[in-house]
C-alpha atoms as a PDB file:
ATOM      1  CA  UNK A   1       6.730-185.076-175.118  1.00  0.00           C
ATOM      2  CA  UNK A   2       3.636-182.973-174.433  1.00  0.00           C
ATOM      3  CA  UNK A   3       5.744-180.180-172.918  1.00  0.00           C
ATOM      4  CA  UNK A   4       8.040-180.155-175.922  1.00  0.00           C
ATOM      5  CA  UNK A   5       5.064-179.865-178.279  1.00  0.00           C
ATOM      6  CA  UNK A   6       3.642-176.963-176.223  1.00  0.00           C
ATOM      7  CA  UNK A   7       7.021-175.232-176.198  1.00  0.00           C
ATOM      8  CA  UNK A   8       7.395-175.573-179.973  1.00  0.00           C
ATOM      9  CA  UNK A   9       3.846-174.283-180.505  1.00  0.00           C
ATOM     10  CA  UNK A  10       4.554-171.308-178.232  1.00  0.00           C
ATOM     11  CA  UNK A  11       7.804-170.479-180.063  1.00  0.00           C
ATOM     12  CA  UNK A  12       6.047-170.710-183.434  1.00  0.00           C
ATOM     13  CA  UNK A  13       3.300-168.369-182.193  1.00  0.00           C
ATOM     14  CA  UNK A  14       5.892-165.844-180.960  1.00  0.00           C
ATOM     15  CA  UNK A  15       7.624-165.923-184.355  1.00  0.00           C
ATOM     16  CA  UNK A  16       4.329-165.358-186.188  1.00  0.00           C
ATOM     17  CA  UNK A  17       3.446-162.398-183.937  1.00  0.00           C
ATOM     18  CA  UNK A  18       6.932-160.916-184.429  1.00  0.00           C
ATOM     19  CA  UNK A  19       6.736-161.271-188.214  1.00  0.00           C
ATOM     20  CA  UNK A  20       3.218-159.846-188.499  1.00  0.00           C
ATOM     21  CA  UNK A  21       3.962-156.895-186.212  1.00  0.00           C
ATOM     22  CA  UNK A  22       7.128-156.129-188.218  1.00  0.00           C
ATOM     23  CA  UNK A  23       5.129-156.121-191.462  1.00  0.00           C
ATOM     24  CA  UNK A  24       2.454-153.845-189.962  1.00  0.00           C
ATOM     25  CA  UNK A  25       4.985-151.379-188.548  1.00  0.00           C
ATOM     26  CA  UNK A  26       7.002-151.294-191.772  1.00  0.00           C
ATOM     27  CA  UNK A  27       3.931-150.770-193.966  1.00  0.00           C
ATOM     28  CA  UNK A  28       2.738-147.965-191.680  1.00  0.00           C
ATOM     29  CA  UNK A  29       6.067-146.146-191.914  1.00  0.00           C
ATOM     30  CA  UNK A  30       6.397-146.708-195.673  1.00  0.00           C
ATOM     31  CA  UNK A  31       2.896-145.317-196.298  1.00  0.00           C
ATOM     32  CA  UNK A  32       3.962-141.815-195.216  1.00  0.00           C
ATOM     33  CA  UNK A  33       3.753-139.346-198.074  1.00  0.00           C
ATOM     34  CA  UNK A  34       7.009-137.757-199.147  1.00  0.00           C
ATOM     35  CA  UNK A  35       7.694-135.185-201.814  1.00  0.00           C
ATOM     36  CA  UNK A  36      10.496-134.552-204.245  1.00  0.00           C
ATOM     37  CA  UNK A  37      13.822-134.085-202.481  1.00  0.00           C
ATOM     38  CA  UNK A  38      12.677-136.068-199.418  1.00  0.00           C
ATOM     39  CA  UNK A  39      13.494-139.551-198.135  1.00  0.00           C
ATOM     40  CA  UNK A  40      11.659-142.228-196.181  1.00  0.00           C
ATOM     41  CA  UNK A  41      14.226-144.774-194.970  1.00  0.00           C
ATOM     42  CA  UNK A  42      12.706-147.647-192.975  1.00  0.00           C
ATOM     43  CA  UNK A  43      14.611-150.496-191.320  1.00  0.00           C
ATOM     44  CA  UNK A  44      12.267-152.734-189.301  1.00  0.00           C
ATOM     45  CA  UNK A  45      13.830-156.014-188.154  1.00  0.00           C
ATOM     46  CA  UNK A  46      16.328-155.570-190.954  1.00  0.00           C
ATOM     47  CA  UNK A  47      18.512-153.058-192.722  1.00  0.00           C
ATOM     48  CA  UNK A  48      17.825-150.211-195.112  1.00  0.00           C
ATOM     49  CA  UNK A  49      20.412-148.323-197.154  1.00  0.00           C
ATOM     50  CA  UNK A  50      19.605-145.022-198.838  1.00  0.00           C
ATOM     51  CA  UNK A  51      21.887-142.819-200.919  1.00  0.00           C
ATOM     52  CA  UNK A  52      20.561-139.330-201.632  1.00  0.00           C
ATOM     53  CA  UNK A  53      21.855-137.384-204.620  1.00  0.00           C
ATOM     54  CA  UNK A  54      19.151-134.698-204.681  1.00  0.00           C
ATOM     55  CA  UNK A  55      20.208-131.170-205.593  1.00  0.00           C
ATOM     56  CA  UNK A  56      17.410-129.809-203.376  1.00  0.00           C
ATOM     57  CA  UNK A  57      17.303-132.120-200.358  1.00  0.00           C
ATOM     58  CA  UNK A  58      14.551-131.088-197.935  1.00  0.00           C
ATOM     59  CA  UNK A  59      14.569-133.875-195.344  1.00  0.00           C
ATOM     60  CA  UNK A  60      12.186-136.696-194.577  1.00  0.00           C
ATOM     61  CA  UNK A  61      11.962-139.652-192.234  1.00  0.00           C
ATOM     62  CA  UNK A  62      14.367-142.224-190.790  1.00  0.00           C
ATOM     63  CA  UNK A  63      12.746-145.163-188.956  1.00  0.00           C
ATOM     64  CA  UNK A  64      14.780-147.972-187.377  1.00  0.00           C
ATOM     65  CA  UNK A  65      12.844-150.402-185.185  1.00  0.00           C
ATOM     66  CA  UNK A  66      14.968-153.368-184.109  1.00  0.00           C
ATOM     67  CA  UNK A  67      16.903-152.788-187.310  1.00  0.00           C
ATOM     68  CA  UNK A  68      19.241-150.333-188.925  1.00  0.00           C
ATOM     69  CA  UNK A  69      19.330-147.531-191.469  1.00  0.00           C
ATOM     70  CA  UNK A  70      22.373-146.248-193.349  1.00  0.00           C
ATOM     71  CA  UNK A  71      21.722-142.857-194.947  1.00  0.00           C
ATOM     72  CA  UNK A  72      24.358-141.375-197.252  1.00  0.00           C
ATOM     73  CA  UNK A  73      23.809-137.651-197.881  1.00  0.00           C
ATOM     74  CA  UNK A  74      27.363-136.931-199.062  1.00  0.00           C
ATOM     75  CA  UNK A  75      26.243-136.161-202.620  1.00  0.00           C
ATOM     76  CA  UNK A  76      23.137-134.152-201.659  1.00  0.00           C
ATOM     77  CA  UNK A  77      22.821-130.374-201.603  1.00  0.00           C
ATOM     78  CA  UNK A  78      20.349-128.142-199.789  1.00  0.00           C
ATOM     79  CA  UNK A  79      18.992-125.062-201.562  1.00  0.00           C
ATOM     80  CA  UNK A  80      16.936-123.698-198.656  1.00  0.00           C
ATOM     81  CA  UNK A  81      18.457-124.806-195.331  1.00  0.00           C
ATOM     82  CA  UNK A  82      17.727-126.315-192.957  1.00  0.00           C
ATOM     83  CA  UNK A  83      16.585-129.713-194.183  1.00  0.00           C
ATOM     84  CA  UNK A  84      14.701-131.598-191.454  1.00  0.00           C
ATOM     85  CA  UNK A  85      14.782-135.315-190.770  1.00  0.00           C
ATOM     86  CA  UNK A  86      12.315-136.771-188.286  1.00  0.00           C
ATOM     87  CA  UNK A  87      13.758-139.882-186.674  1.00  0.00           C
ATOM     88  CA  UNK A  88      12.295-142.820-184.784  1.00  0.00           C
ATOM     89  CA  UNK A  89      14.966-145.216-183.556  1.00  0.00           C
ATOM     90  CA  UNK A  90      13.784-147.959-181.191  1.00  0.00           C
ATOM     91  CA  UNK A  91      16.227-150.719-180.215  1.00  0.00           C
ATOM     92  CA  UNK A  92      18.055-150.140-183.483  1.00  0.00           C
ATOM     93  CA  UNK A  93      20.534-147.794-185.060  1.00  0.00           C
ATOM     94  CA  UNK A  94      21.056-145.227-187.767  1.00  0.00           C
ATOM     95  CA  UNK A  95      24.220-143.985-189.457  1.00  0.00           C
ATOM     96  CA  UNK A  96      23.960-140.698-191.337  1.00  0.00           C
ATOM     97  CA  UNK A  97      26.871-139.516-193.489  1.00  0.00           C
ATOM     98  CA  UNK A  98      26.825-135.821-194.386  1.00  0.00           C
ATOM     99  CA  UNK A  99      29.234-133.742-196.500  1.00  0.00           C
ATOM    100  CA  UNK A 100      32.116-132.011-194.806  1.00  0.00           C
ATOM    101  CA  UNK A 101      31.090-128.524-193.773  1.00  0.00           C
ATOM    102  CA  UNK A 102      27.418-129.263-193.096  1.00  0.00           C
ATOM    103  CA  UNK A 103      26.251-127.999-189.737  1.00  0.00           C
ATOM    104  CA  UNK A 104      23.934-130.503-188.042  1.00  0.00           C
ATOM    105  CA  UNK A 105      21.683-129.649-185.102  1.00  0.00           C
ATOM    106  CA  UNK A 106      20.420-132.628-183.122  1.00  0.00           C
ATOM    107  CA  UNK A 107      17.087-131.991-181.372  1.00  0.00           C
ATOM    108  CA  UNK A 108      16.231-135.612-180.580  1.00  0.00           C
ATOM    109  CA  UNK A 109      14.869-136.888-177.294  1.00  0.00           C
ATOM    110  CA  UNK A 110      16.951-139.828-176.135  1.00  0.00           C
ATOM    111  CA  UNK A 111      16.021-142.552-173.645  1.00  0.00           C
ATOM    112  CA  UNK A 112      18.631-145.207-172.838  1.00  0.00           C
ATOM    113  CA  UNK A 113      20.397-144.484-176.117  1.00  0.00           C
ATOM    114  CA  UNK A 114      22.675-141.944-177.675  1.00  0.00           C
ATOM    115  CA  UNK A 115      23.656-139.744-180.597  1.00  0.00           C
ATOM    116  CA  UNK A 116      27.320-139.509-181.619  1.00  0.00           C
ATOM    117  CA  UNK A 117      28.464-136.805-184.000  1.00  0.00           C
ATOM    118  CA  UNK A 118      31.917-137.304-185.510  1.00  0.00           C
ATOM    119  CA  UNK A 119      33.724-134.302-186.961  1.00  0.00           C
ATOM    120  CA  UNK A 120      31.059-131.824-185.847  1.00  0.00           C
ATOM    121  CA  UNK A 121      31.213-128.087-186.441  1.00  0.00           C
ATOM    122  CA  UNK A 122      31.154-125.673-183.495  1.00  0.00           C
ATOM    123  CA  UNK A 123      28.637-123.346-185.176  1.00  0.00           C
ATOM    124  CA  UNK A 124      24.997-124.281-184.441  1.00  0.00           C
ATOM    125  CA  UNK A 125      23.230-121.019-185.229  1.00  0.00           C
ATOM    126  CA  UNK A 126      22.396-121.672-188.900  1.00  0.00           C
ATOM    127  CA  UNK A 127      22.277-125.443-189.389  1.00  0.00           C
ATOM    128  CA  UNK A 128      22.101-127.167-192.757  1.00  0.00           C
ATOM    129  CA  UNK A 129      20.373-130.233-191.287  1.00  0.00           C
ATOM    130  CA  UNK A 130      18.132-130.609-188.223  1.00  0.00           C
ATOM    131  CA  UNK A 131      17.440-134.032-186.706  1.00  0.00           C
ATOM    132  CA  UNK A 132      14.325-134.360-184.560  1.00  0.00           C
ATOM    133  CA  UNK A 133      12.397-137.270-183.078  1.00  0.00           C
ATOM    134  CA  UNK A 134      13.054-140.050-180.570  1.00  0.00           C
ATOM    135  CA  UNK A 135      15.920-142.453-179.901  1.00  0.00           C
ATOM    136  CA  UNK A 136      14.874-145.175-177.462  1.00  0.00           C
ATOM    137  CA  UNK A 137      17.391-147.866-176.499  1.00  0.00           C
ATOM    138  CA  UNK A 138      19.223-147.264-179.769  1.00  0.00           C
ATOM    139  CA  UNK A 139      21.901-145.159-181.327  1.00  0.00           C
ATOM    140  CA  UNK A 140      22.539-142.647-184.074  1.00  0.00           C
ATOM    141  CA  UNK A 141      25.935-141.804-185.567  1.00  0.00           C
ATOM    142  CA  UNK A 142      26.460-138.725-187.737  1.00  0.00           C
ATOM    143  CA  UNK A 143      29.622-138.763-189.839  1.00  0.00           C
ATOM    144  CA  UNK A 144      30.936-135.518-191.360  1.00  0.00           C
ATOM    145  CA  UNK A 145      32.957-136.956-194.170  1.00  0.00           C
ATOM    146  CA  UNK A 146      32.820-137.497-197.903  1.00  0.00           C
ATOM    147  CA  UNK A 147      32.471-141.258-198.345  1.00  0.00           C
ATOM    148  CA  UNK A 148      30.561-143.798-200.408  1.00  0.00           C
ATOM    149  CA  UNK A 149      30.659-146.618-197.877  1.00  0.00           C
ATOM    150  CA  UNK A 150      29.086-145.442-194.629  1.00  0.00           C
ATOM    151  CA  UNK A 151      29.552-148.785-192.843  1.00  0.00           C
ATOM    152  CA  UNK A 152      33.355-148.700-193.281  1.00  0.00           C
ATOM    153  CA  UNK A 153      33.557-145.526-191.185  1.00  0.00           C
ATOM    154  CA  UNK A 154      31.797-146.948-188.127  1.00  0.00           C
END
C-alpha cells in the first residue's frame, strides 16, 4: 500500500511539472511581439490553428512543442517578398498550406525529423516564403494547394 501511494504521488508530481512547464513555455512564446501582417502560432502540448488572410503577409513565428500547428496561408498575399517564418518544432508537427505558385525556401536545421514539401516549385532563386529555425524530432509539411481544410490534405 505504501508503494502504491508513493507511485501515485510521483505520477501526480510529474503531471504538475509537465503542466507548469507547458504553461511557461507557451506564455514565453506568446509574449513575442508581432506586427501587422505577422503571425505567432503556438501549439504547446496541444493544437493551434491559424488562418491568415492578410494582404501584406510578412511572416512571423510557428512554435510546436509536443503539439501541433496548422497554418493556412492560402488566402494571404505578400507585397514585398520574401515573407519569413521562424519555426521551432520539438517533438511535434506543423502543417503549412500555401497558395499554388508560391515558391518556398526551407532553411531549417533538422535533427531526427523532417520537412516534406508537396507540390513544390523547381525555382528557388526568388522565394515568396522562407522558413528558418529548428525541427527536432518532429515534422513539417508544406502543401502547395488552395484549400480551406489543411488537415484533410495530410
